[in-house]
PDB file of N, CA and C in Angstrom:
ATOM      1  N   MET A   1     -69.538  74.070 -21.357  1.00  0.00           N
ATOM      2  CA  MET A   1     -69.916  73.978 -22.814  1.00  0.00           C
ATOM      3  C   MET A   1     -71.586  73.994 -22.518  1.00  0.00           C
ATOM      4  N   PRO A   2     -72.422  74.788 -22.598  1.00  0.00           N
ATOM      5  CA  PRO A   2     -73.844  74.748 -22.595  1.00  0.00           C
ATOM      6  C   PRO A   2     -74.325  73.741 -23.225  1.00  0.00           C
ATOM      7  N   GLU A   3     -75.315  73.104 -22.337  1.00  0.00           N
ATOM      8  CA  GLU A   3     -76.235  71.957 -22.873  1.00  0.00           C
ATOM      9  C   GLU A   3     -77.707  72.000 -22.058  1.00  0.00           C
ATOM     10  N   HIS A   4     -78.482  71.679 -23.053  1.00  0.00           N
ATOM     11  CA  HIS A   4     -80.081  71.965 -22.258  1.00  0.00           C
ATOM     12  C   HIS A   4     -79.973  70.520 -21.126  1.00  0.00           C
ATOM     13  N   GLY A   5     -80.496  71.504 -20.147  1.00  0.00           N
ATOM     14  CA  GLY A   5     -81.172  70.089 -19.130  1.00  0.00           C
ATOM     15  C   GLY A   5     -79.995  70.180 -17.777  1.00  0.00           C
ATOM     16  N   VAL A   6     -78.333  70.512 -18.285  1.00  0.00           N
ATOM     17  CA  VAL A   6     -77.424  70.265 -17.444  1.00  0.00           C
ATOM     18  C   VAL A   6     -77.590  71.117 -16.801  1.00  0.00           C
ATOM     19  N   ASP A   7     -77.050  70.696 -15.305  1.00  0.00           N
ATOM     20  CA  ASP A   7     -77.360  71.721 -14.058  1.00  0.00           C
ATOM     21  C   ASP A   7     -75.976  72.724 -13.963  1.00  0.00           C
ATOM     22  N   VAL A   8     -75.046  72.264 -14.202  1.00  0.00           N
ATOM     23  CA  VAL A   8     -74.013  72.720 -14.074  1.00  0.00           C
ATOM     24  C   VAL A   8     -73.046  72.719 -15.581  1.00  0.00           C
ATOM     25  N   PRO A   9     -72.721  73.886 -16.291  1.00  0.00           N
ATOM     26  CA  PRO A   9     -72.355  73.852 -17.447  1.00  0.00           C
ATOM     27  C   PRO A   9     -70.576  73.560 -17.536  1.00  0.00           C
ATOM     28  N   VAL A  10     -70.323  72.349 -16.864  1.00  0.00           N
ATOM     29  CA  VAL A  10     -69.012  71.967 -16.413  1.00  0.00           C
ATOM     30  C   VAL A  10     -68.652  70.807 -17.488  1.00  0.00           C
ATOM     31  N   TRP A  11     -67.650  69.937 -18.166  1.00  0.00           N
ATOM     32  CA  TRP A  11     -67.373  68.906 -18.675  1.00  0.00           C
ATOM     33  C   TRP A  11     -66.193  68.303 -18.513  1.00  0.00           C
ATOM     34  N   HIS A  12     -66.239  67.038 -18.350  1.00  0.00           N
ATOM     35  CA  HIS A  12     -64.518  66.497 -18.467  1.00  0.00           C
ATOM     36  C   HIS A  12     -64.087  66.292 -19.780  1.00  0.00           C
ATOM     37  N   GLY A  13     -62.821  66.713 -19.702  1.00  0.00           N
ATOM     38  CA  GLY A  13     -61.890  66.569 -20.712  1.00  0.00           C
ATOM     39  C   GLY A  13     -61.753  65.745 -21.306  1.00  0.00           C
ATOM     40  N   PRO A  14     -60.926  66.016 -22.803  1.00  0.00           N
ATOM     41  CA  PRO A  14     -60.927  65.062 -23.453  1.00  0.00           C
ATOM     42  C   PRO A  14     -59.737  63.889 -22.603  1.00  0.00           C
ATOM     43  N   ASP A  15     -58.603  64.664 -22.225  1.00  0.00           N
ATOM     44  CA  ASP A  15     -57.578  63.639 -21.405  1.00  0.00           C
ATOM     45  C   ASP A  15     -58.272  62.886 -20.271  1.00  0.00           C
ATOM     46  N   SER A  16     -59.527  63.311 -19.629  1.00  0.00           N
ATOM     47  CA  SER A  16     -59.695  63.017 -18.285  1.00  0.00           C
ATOM     48  C   SER A  16     -60.365  61.569 -19.146  1.00  0.00           C
ATOM     49  N   GLU A  17     -60.401  60.554 -17.385  1.00  0.00           N
ATOM     50  CA  GLU A  17     -60.773  59.122 -17.420  1.00  0.00           C
ATOM     51  C   GLU A  17     -62.205  58.993 -17.093  1.00  0.00           C
ATOM     52  N   GLU A  18     -62.906  60.115 -17.012  1.00  0.00           N
ATOM     53  CA  GLU A  18     -64.234  60.333 -16.972  1.00  0.00           C
ATOM     54  C   GLU A  18     -64.816  60.996 -18.074  1.00  0.00           C
ATOM     55  N   SER A  19     -65.825  61.228 -18.468  1.00  0.00           N
ATOM     56  CA  SER A  19     -66.812  61.665 -19.439  1.00  0.00           C
ATOM     57  C   SER A  19     -68.012  62.207 -18.752  1.00  0.00           C
ATOM     58  N   GLY A  20     -68.700  62.723 -20.085  1.00  0.00           N
ATOM     59  CA  GLY A  20     -69.816  63.518 -19.422  1.00  0.00           C
ATOM     60  C   GLY A  20     -69.396  64.829 -18.654  1.00  0.00           C
ATOM     61  N   ASN A  21     -70.860  65.371 -17.903  1.00  0.00           N
ATOM     62  CA  ASN A  21     -70.998  66.754 -17.508  1.00  0.00           C
ATOM     63  C   ASN A  21     -70.075  66.448 -15.972  1.00  0.00           C
ATOM     64  N   VAL A  22     -69.607  67.689 -15.283  1.00  0.00           N
ATOM     65  CA  VAL A  22     -69.318  67.357 -14.168  1.00  0.00           C
ATOM     66  C   VAL A  22     -70.268  67.605 -13.100  1.00  0.00           C
ATOM     67  N   SER A  23     -70.750  66.874 -11.671  1.00  0.00           N
ATOM     68  CA  SER A  23     -71.846  67.814 -11.226  1.00  0.00           C
ATOM     69  C   SER A  23     -71.237  68.321 -10.005  1.00  0.00           C
ATOM     70  N   ALA A  24     -71.897  69.082  -9.361  1.00  0.00           N
ATOM     71  CA  ALA A  24     -72.018  69.940  -8.467  1.00  0.00           C
ATOM     72  C   ALA A  24     -70.959  69.735  -7.416  1.00  0.00           C
ATOM     73  N   ALA A  25     -71.547  68.184  -6.617  1.00  0.00           N
ATOM     74  CA  ALA A  25     -71.055  67.726  -5.942  1.00  0.00           C
ATOM     75  C   ALA A  25     -69.332  67.520  -6.296  1.00  0.00           C
ATOM     76  N   GLU A  26     -69.068  67.041  -7.811  1.00  0.00           N
ATOM     77  CA  GLU A  26     -67.675  66.854  -7.597  1.00  0.00           C
ATOM     78  C   GLU A  26     -66.735  67.803  -8.019  1.00  0.00           C
ATOM     79  N   LEU A  27     -67.398  69.217  -8.303  1.00  0.00           N
ATOM     80  CA  LEU A  27     -67.086  70.476  -8.068  1.00  0.00           C
ATOM     81  C   LEU A  27     -66.450  71.066  -6.642  1.00  0.00           C
ATOM     82  N   ALA A  28     -67.404  70.421  -6.156  1.00  0.00           N
ATOM     83  CA  ALA A  28     -67.052  70.722  -4.663  1.00  0.00           C
ATOM     84  C   ALA A  28     -66.296  69.696  -3.908  1.00  0.00           C
ATOM     85  N   ALA A  29     -65.946  68.780  -4.494  1.00  0.00           N
ATOM     86  CA  ALA A  29     -65.153  67.703  -3.485  1.00  0.00           C
ATOM     87  C   ALA A  29     -63.948  68.102  -4.446  1.00  0.00           C
ATOM     88  N   LEU A  30     -63.764  68.699  -5.682  1.00  0.00           N
ATOM     89  CA  LEU A  30     -62.536  69.378  -6.487  1.00  0.00           C
ATOM     90  C   LEU A  30     -61.689  70.823  -5.573  1.00  0.00           C
ATOM     91  N   GLY A  31     -62.902  71.155  -4.991  1.00  0.00           N
ATOM     92  CA  GLY A  31     -62.340  72.366  -4.244  1.00  0.00           C
ATOM     93  C   GLY A  31     -62.911  73.808  -5.033  1.00  0.00           C
ATOM     94  N   VAL A  32     -64.223  73.360  -5.916  1.00  0.00           N
ATOM     95  CA  VAL A  32     -64.630  75.093  -6.145  1.00  0.00           C
ATOM     96  C   VAL A  32     -65.621  75.363  -5.365  1.00  0.00           C
ATOM     97  N   SER A  33     -65.479  76.806  -4.738  1.00  0.00           N
ATOM     98  CA  SER A  33     -66.114  77.339  -4.513  1.00  0.00           C
ATOM     99  C   SER A  33     -68.095  77.297  -4.485  1.00  0.00           C
ATOM    100  N   LEU A  34     -69.066  77.064  -3.437  1.00  0.00           N
ATOM    101  CA  LEU A  34     -69.967  76.916  -3.439  1.00  0.00           C
ATOM    102  C   LEU A  34     -70.829  78.803  -4.254  1.00  0.00           C
ATOM    103  N   PRO A  35     -70.255  79.867  -3.807  1.00  0.00           N
ATOM    104  CA  PRO A  35     -70.919  80.816  -4.686  1.00  0.00           C
ATOM    105  C   PRO A  35     -70.058  80.641  -6.166  1.00  0.00           C
ATOM    106  N   LEU A  36     -69.044  79.729  -6.728  1.00  0.00           N
ATOM    107  CA  LEU A  36     -68.880  79.978  -7.987  1.00  0.00           C
ATOM    108  C   LEU A  36     -69.483  78.696  -8.568  1.00  0.00           C
ATOM    109  N   VAL A  37     -70.159  77.679  -7.844  1.00  0.00           N
ATOM    110  CA  VAL A  37     -70.949  76.405  -8.427  1.00  0.00           C
ATOM    111  C   VAL A  37     -72.334  77.275  -8.606  1.00  0.00           C
ATOM    112  N   GLU A  38     -72.875  78.490  -7.835  1.00  0.00           N
ATOM    113  CA  GLU A  38     -74.321  78.913  -8.174  1.00  0.00           C
ATOM    114  C   GLU A  38     -74.376  79.612  -9.507  1.00  0.00           C
ATOM    115  N   ARG A  39     -73.278  80.546  -9.842  1.00  0.00           N
ATOM    116  CA  ARG A  39     -73.249  81.249 -10.653  1.00  0.00           C
ATOM    117  C   ARG A  39     -72.907  80.511 -12.025  1.00  0.00           C
ATOM    118  N   LEU A  40     -71.984  79.322 -12.160  1.00  0.00           N
ATOM    119  CA  LEU A  40     -72.307  78.536 -13.249  1.00  0.00           C
ATOM    120  C   LEU A  40     -73.952  77.880 -13.251  1.00  0.00           C
ATOM    121  N   ARG A  41     -74.845  77.842 -11.895  1.00  0.00           N
ATOM    122  CA  ARG A  41     -75.671  77.411 -12.457  1.00  0.00           C
ATOM    123  C   ARG A  41     -76.736  78.113 -12.969  1.00  0.00           C
ATOM    124  N   ALA A  42     -76.073  79.738 -12.384  1.00  0.00           N
ATOM    125  CA  ALA A  42     -77.504  80.980 -12.989  1.00  0.00           C
ATOM    126  C   ALA A  42     -77.102  80.940 -14.390  1.00  0.00           C
ATOM    127  N   TRP A  43     -75.699  80.725 -14.891  1.00  0.00           N
ATOM    128  CA  TRP A  43     -74.964  80.756 -16.338  1.00  0.00           C
ATOM    129  C   TRP A  43     -75.775  79.517 -17.183  1.00  0.00           C
ATOM    130  N   ALA A  44     -75.896  78.449 -16.555  1.00  0.00           N
ATOM    131  CA  ALA A  44     -76.608  77.817 -17.870  1.00  0.00           C
ATOM    132  C   ALA A  44     -77.983  77.926 -17.709  1.00  0.00           C
ATOM    133  N   GLU A  45     -78.735  78.266 -16.312  1.00  0.00           N
ATOM    134  CA  GLU A  45     -80.112  78.607 -16.474  1.00  0.00           C
ATOM    135  C   GLU A  45     -80.386  79.782 -17.608  1.00  0.00           C
ATOM    136  N   GLY A  46     -79.268  80.932 -17.881  1.00  0.00           N
ATOM    137  CA  GLY A  46     -79.554  81.859 -18.546  1.00  0.00           C
ATOM    138  C   GLY A  46     -79.715  81.730 -20.020  1.00  0.00           C
ATOM    139  N   TRP A  47     -78.324  80.431 -20.056  1.00  0.00           N
ATOM    140  CA  TRP A  47     -77.993  80.337 -21.778  1.00  0.00           C
ATOM    141  C   TRP A  47     -79.095  79.402 -21.988  1.00  0.00           C
ATOM    142  N   ASP A  48     -79.849  78.676 -21.040  1.00  0.00           N
ATOM    143  CA  ASP A  48     -81.075  77.767 -21.187  1.00  0.00           C
ATOM    144  C   ASP A  48     -82.493  78.306 -21.971  1.00  0.00           C
ATOM    145  N   HIS A  49     -82.750  79.133 -21.497  1.00  0.00           N
ATOM    146  CA  HIS A  49     -83.460  79.818 -22.343  1.00  0.00           C
ATOM    147  C   HIS A  49     -83.726  81.414 -22.320  1.00  0.00           C
ATOM    148  N   ASP A  50     -84.081  81.956 -23.344  1.00  0.00           N
ATOM    149  CA  ASP A  50     -84.500  83.290 -23.543  1.00  0.00           C
ATOM    150  C   ASP A  50     -86.270  83.292 -23.847  1.00  0.00           C
ATOM    151  N   PRO A  51     -86.898  83.948 -22.843  1.00  0.00           N
ATOM    152  CA  PRO A  51     -88.616  84.063 -22.681  1.00  0.00           C
ATOM    153  C   PRO A  51     -88.825  84.582 -24.500  1.00  0.00           C
ATOM    154  N   VAL A  52     -88.191  85.295 -24.923  1.00  0.00           N
ATOM    155  CA  VAL A  52     -88.419  85.673 -26.207  1.00  0.00           C
ATOM    156  C   VAL A  52     -88.349  84.754 -27.411  1.00  0.00           C
ATOM    157  N   THR A  53     -87.216  84.546 -27.471  1.00  0.00           N
ATOM    158  CA  THR A  53     -87.044  83.947 -28.864  1.00  0.00           C
ATOM    159  C   THR A  53     -86.288  82.340 -28.400  1.00  0.00           C
ATOM    160  N   GLY A  54     -86.172  81.881 -27.258  1.00  0.00           N
ATOM    161  CA  GLY A  54     -85.906  80.366 -27.136  1.00  0.00           C
ATOM    162  C   GLY A  54     -84.595  80.574 -27.311  1.00  0.00           C
ATOM    163  N   SER A  55     -83.937  81.331 -27.878  1.00  0.00           N
ATOM    164  CA  SER A  55     -82.607  81.007 -28.196  1.00  0.00           C
ATOM    165  C   SER A  55     -81.375  81.527 -27.044  1.00  0.00           C
ATOM    166  N   PRO A  56     -80.258  81.427 -26.933  1.00  0.00           N
ATOM    167  CA  PRO A  56     -79.486  81.658 -25.381  1.00  0.00           C
ATOM    168  C   PRO A  56     -79.361  83.636 -25.960  1.00  0.00           C
ATOM    169  N   LEU A  57     -78.953  84.200 -24.890  1.00  0.00           N
ATOM    170  CA  LEU A  57     -79.261  85.016 -24.811  1.00  0.00           C
ATOM    171  C   LEU A  57     -77.613  86.077 -25.356  1.00  0.00           C
ATOM    172  N   GLY A  58     -77.372  86.606 -25.757  1.00  0.00           N
ATOM    173  CA  GLY A  58     -75.810  86.675 -26.088  1.00  0.00           C
ATOM    174  C   GLY A  58     -74.956  86.604 -25.237  1.00  0.00           C
ATOM    175  N   GLN A  59     -75.318  87.431 -23.920  1.00  0.00           N
ATOM    176  CA  GLN A  59     -74.213  87.388 -22.560  1.00  0.00           C
ATOM    177  C   GLN A  59     -74.001  85.689 -22.178  1.00  0.00           C
ATOM    178  N   PHE A  60     -74.651  84.888 -22.407  1.00  0.00           N
ATOM    179  CA  PHE A  60     -74.402  84.033 -21.982  1.00  0.00           C
ATOM    180  C   PHE A  60     -73.941  82.545 -23.270  1.00  0.00           C
ATOM    181  N   ARG A  61     -73.427  83.369 -24.497  1.00  0.00           N
ATOM    182  CA  ARG A  61     -72.642  82.557 -25.364  1.00  0.00           C
ATOM    183  C   ARG A  61     -71.119  82.309 -25.041  1.00  0.00           C
ATOM    184  N   PRO A  62     -70.842  81.292 -25.511  1.00  0.00           N
ATOM    185  CA  PRO A  62     -69.363  80.987 -25.264  1.00  0.00           C
ATOM    186  C   PRO A  62     -68.813  81.867 -25.935  1.00  0.00           C
ATOM    187  N   GLY A  63     -67.708  82.150 -25.319  1.00  0.00           N
ATOM    188  CA  GLY A  63     -66.565  83.451 -25.467  1.00  0.00           C
ATOM    189  C   GLY A  63     -67.033  85.118 -24.867  1.00  0.00           C
ATOM    190  N   SER A  64     -68.290  84.779 -24.866  1.00  0.00           N
ATOM    191  CA  SER A  64     -68.622  86.501 -24.167  1.00  0.00           C
ATOM    192  C   SER A  64     -68.105  86.548 -23.029  1.00  0.00           C
ATOM    193  N   PRO A  65     -68.202  88.000 -22.711  1.00  0.00           N
ATOM    194  CA  PRO A  65     -67.163  88.606 -21.059  1.00  0.00           C
ATOM    195  C   PRO A  65     -67.707  87.877 -20.061  1.00  0.00           C
ATOM    196  N   LEU A  66     -68.784  88.052 -19.931  1.00  0.00           N
ATOM    197  CA  LEU A  66     -69.062  86.856 -18.750  1.00  0.00           C
ATOM    198  C   LEU A  66     -68.955  85.375 -19.030  1.00  0.00           C
ATOM    199  N   THR A  67     -69.227  84.906 -20.131  1.00  0.00           N
ATOM    200  CA  THR A  67     -68.636  83.378 -20.189  1.00  0.00           C
ATOM    201  C   THR A  67     -66.693  82.990 -19.707  1.00  0.00           C
ATOM    202  N   VAL A  68     -66.247  84.110 -20.231  1.00  0.00           N
ATOM    203  CA  VAL A  68     -64.926  83.988 -20.204  1.00  0.00           C
ATOM    204  C   VAL A  68     -64.376  84.083 -18.679  1.00  0.00           C
ATOM    205  N   ARG A  69     -65.245  85.504 -18.011  1.00  0.00           N
ATOM    206  CA  ARG A  69     -64.830  85.369 -16.838  1.00  0.00           C
ATOM    207  C   ARG A  69     -65.323  84.322 -15.869  1.00  0.00           C
ATOM    208  N   LEU A  70     -66.468  83.355 -15.936  1.00  0.00           N
ATOM    209  CA  LEU A  70     -66.442  82.492 -15.297  1.00  0.00           C
ATOM    210  C   LEU A  70     -65.661  81.424 -15.578  1.00  0.00           C
ATOM    211  N   ALA A  71     -65.019  81.087 -16.550  1.00  0.00           N
ATOM    212  CA  ALA A  71     -63.948  80.437 -17.466  1.00  0.00           C
ATOM    213  C   ALA A  71     -62.400  80.522 -16.093  1.00  0.00           C
ATOM    214  N   ARG A  72     -63.032  81.646 -16.146  1.00  0.00           N
ATOM    215  CA  ARG A  72     -61.315  82.240 -15.786  1.00  0.00           C
ATOM    216  C   ARG A  72     -61.458  81.824 -13.925  1.00  0.00           C
ATOM    217  N   HIS A  73     -62.105  82.073 -13.673  1.00  0.00           N
ATOM    218  CA  HIS A  73     -62.606  82.169 -12.186  1.00  0.00           C
ATOM    219  C   HIS A  73     -62.657  80.418 -11.593  1.00  0.00           C
ATOM    220  N   LEU A  74     -63.145  79.531 -12.663  1.00  0.00           N
ATOM    221  CA  LEU A  74     -63.135  78.032 -12.727  1.00  0.00           C
ATOM    222  C   LEU A  74     -61.737  77.554 -12.531  1.00  0.00           C
ATOM    223  N   GLN A  75     -60.813  78.121 -13.754  1.00  0.00           N
ATOM    224  CA  GLN A  75     -59.385  78.173 -13.296  1.00  0.00           C
ATOM    225  C   GLN A  75     -58.834  78.539 -12.599  1.00  0.00           C
ATOM    226  N   SER A  76     -59.264  79.627 -11.581  1.00  0.00           N
ATOM    227  CA  SER A  76     -58.358  79.989 -10.609  1.00  0.00           C
ATOM    228  C   SER A  76     -58.470  78.982  -9.077  1.00  0.00           C
ATOM    229  N   GLU A  77     -59.915  78.263  -9.379  1.00  0.00           N
ATOM    230  CA  GLU A  77     -60.213  77.461  -8.433  1.00  0.00           C
ATOM    231  C   GLU A  77     -59.595  76.313  -8.442  1.00  0.00           C
ATOM    232  N   LEU A  78     -59.213  75.792 -10.181  1.00  0.00           N
ATOM    233  CA  LEU A  78     -59.048  74.287  -9.860  1.00  0.00           C
ATOM    234  C   LEU A  78     -57.809  74.523 -10.875  1.00  0.00           C
ATOM    235  N   THR A  79     -56.472  74.799  -9.901  1.00  0.00           N
ATOM    236  CA  THR A  79     -55.391  75.275 -10.347  1.00  0.00           C
ATOM    237  C   THR A  79     -54.567  74.118 -10.843  1.00  0.00           C
ATOM    238  N   GLY A  80     -54.977  73.101 -10.763  1.00  0.00           N
ATOM    239  CA  GLY A  80     -54.425  71.430 -10.774  1.00  0.00           C
ATOM    240  C   GLY A  80     -55.378  71.122 -12.453  1.00  0.00           C
ATOM    241  N   HIS A  81     -55.867  71.729 -12.928  1.00  0.00           N
ATOM    242  CA  HIS A  81     -56.616  71.433 -14.286  1.00  0.00           C
ATOM    243  C   HIS A  81     -56.668  72.883 -15.487  1.00  0.00           C
ATOM    244  N   ARG A  82     -56.669  72.074 -16.634  1.00  0.00           N
ATOM    245  CA  ARG A  82     -56.973  73.057 -17.454  1.00  0.00           C
ATOM    246  C   ARG A  82     -58.717  73.489 -18.005  1.00  0.00           C
ATOM    247  N   ILE A  83     -59.520  74.610 -18.323  1.00  0.00           N
ATOM    248  CA  ILE A  83     -60.282  74.723 -18.564  1.00  0.00           C
ATOM    249  C   ILE A  83     -59.981  75.403 -19.726  1.00  0.00           C
ATOM    250  N   HIS A  84     -61.150  75.094 -20.698  1.00  0.00           N
ATOM    251  CA  HIS A  84     -61.248  75.274 -22.141  1.00  0.00           C
ATOM    252  C   HIS A  84     -62.619  75.646 -21.756  1.00  0.00           C
ATOM    253  N   LEU A  85     -63.200  76.676 -23.261  1.00  0.00           N
ATOM    254  CA  LEU A  85     -64.694  77.149 -23.551  1.00  0.00           C
ATOM    255  C   LEU A  85     -64.200  76.620 -25.108  1.00  0.00           C
ATOM    256  N   HIS A  86     -65.865  76.124 -24.608  1.00  0.00           N
ATOM    257  CA  HIS A  86     -66.483  75.216 -26.158  1.00  0.00           C
ATOM    258  C   HIS A  86     -66.327  76.405 -27.552  1.00  0.00           C
ATOM    259  N   THR A  87     -66.014  75.636 -28.704  1.00  0.00           N
ATOM    260  CA  THR A  87     -66.118  76.771 -29.554  1.00  0.00           C
ATOM    261  C   THR A  87     -66.843  75.969 -30.792  1.00  0.00           C
ATOM    262  N   GLY A  88     -67.309  76.404 -31.651  1.00  0.00           N
ATOM    263  CA  GLY A  88     -67.583  75.842 -32.907  1.00  0.00           C
ATOM    264  C   GLY A  88     -66.486  74.625 -33.691  1.00  0.00           C
ATOM    265  N   ASP A  89     -65.242  74.958 -33.589  1.00  0.00           N
ATOM    266  CA  ASP A  89     -64.346  74.575 -34.074  1.00  0.00           C
ATOM    267  C   ASP A  89     -63.482  73.461 -32.518  1.00  0.00           C
ATOM    268  N   GLY A  90     -64.280  73.436 -31.841  1.00  0.00           N
ATOM    269  CA  GLY A  90     -63.526  72.658 -30.771  1.00  0.00           C
ATOM    270  C   GLY A  90     -63.347  73.169 -29.733  1.00  0.00           C
ATOM    271  N   PRO A  91     -62.506  72.982 -28.186  1.00  0.00           N
ATOM    272  CA  PRO A  91     -62.210  73.574 -27.209  1.00  0.00           C
ATOM    273  C   PRO A  91     -61.569  74.136 -27.687  1.00  0.00           C
ATOM    274  N   ARG A  92     -61.403  75.263 -26.409  1.00  0.00           N
ATOM    275  CA  ARG A  92     -60.101  76.006 -26.823  1.00  0.00           C
ATOM    276  C   ARG A  92     -59.588  76.353 -25.295  1.00  0.00           C
ATOM    277  N   PRO A  93     -58.230  76.904 -24.655  1.00  0.00           N
ATOM    278  CA  PRO A  93     -57.918  77.022 -23.522  1.00  0.00           C
ATOM    279  C   PRO A  93     -58.656  78.485 -23.065  1.00  0.00           C
ATOM    280  N   VAL A  94     -59.028  78.407 -21.913  1.00  0.00           N
ATOM    281  CA  VAL A  94     -58.999  79.830 -21.433  1.00  0.00           C
ATOM    282  C   VAL A  94     -58.488  81.048 -21.175  1.00  0.00           C
ATOM    283  N   GLU A  95     -57.103  81.015 -21.161  1.00  0.00           N
ATOM    284  CA  GLU A  95     -56.070  81.899 -21.427  1.00  0.00           C
ATOM    285  C   GLU A  95     -55.839  82.192 -22.838  1.00  0.00           C
ATOM    286  N   GLU A  96     -56.361  81.950 -23.449  1.00  0.00           N
ATOM    287  CA  GLU A  96     -56.223  82.142 -25.286  1.00  0.00           C
ATOM    288  C   GLU A  96     -57.445  83.098 -25.361  1.00  0.00           C
ATOM    289  N   TRP A  97     -58.660  83.436 -24.931  1.00  0.00           N
ATOM    290  CA  TRP A  97     -59.606  83.785 -25.144  1.00  0.00           C
ATOM    291  C   TRP A  97     -59.228  85.578 -24.457  1.00  0.00           C
ATOM    292  N   ALA A  98     -59.702  86.561 -25.077  1.00  0.00           N
ATOM    293  CA  ALA A  98     -59.822  87.615 -24.378  1.00  0.00           C
ATOM    294  C   ALA A  98     -60.991  88.121 -24.262  1.00  0.00           C
ATOM    295  N   GLY A  99     -60.929  89.215 -23.279  1.00  0.00           N
ATOM    296  CA  GLY A  99     -62.083  89.598 -22.450  1.00  0.00           C
ATOM    297  C   GLY A  99     -61.783  89.466 -21.214  1.00  0.00           C
TER     298      GLY A  99
END
């Protein structure tokens, strides 16, 4: 889920003992590759700023093809966890998204 000023747009889920966002170091400790962490950071930076409108560009919105691909890649590297994408109605598992 995106959030202004967050380095990596990954959050602990509702069933986690932890809360808040997951740091890059935590992701690395869980086995997420550095290239994927960097792609997540780039996505967060793209979401955080559109120089024209100040709003997220469409390609960085939750549910966009880019976002779904990143979530699926994260799911493939975190096989022991279930990855969800944020929606206006709450989290939705990545396997339910088309794209």
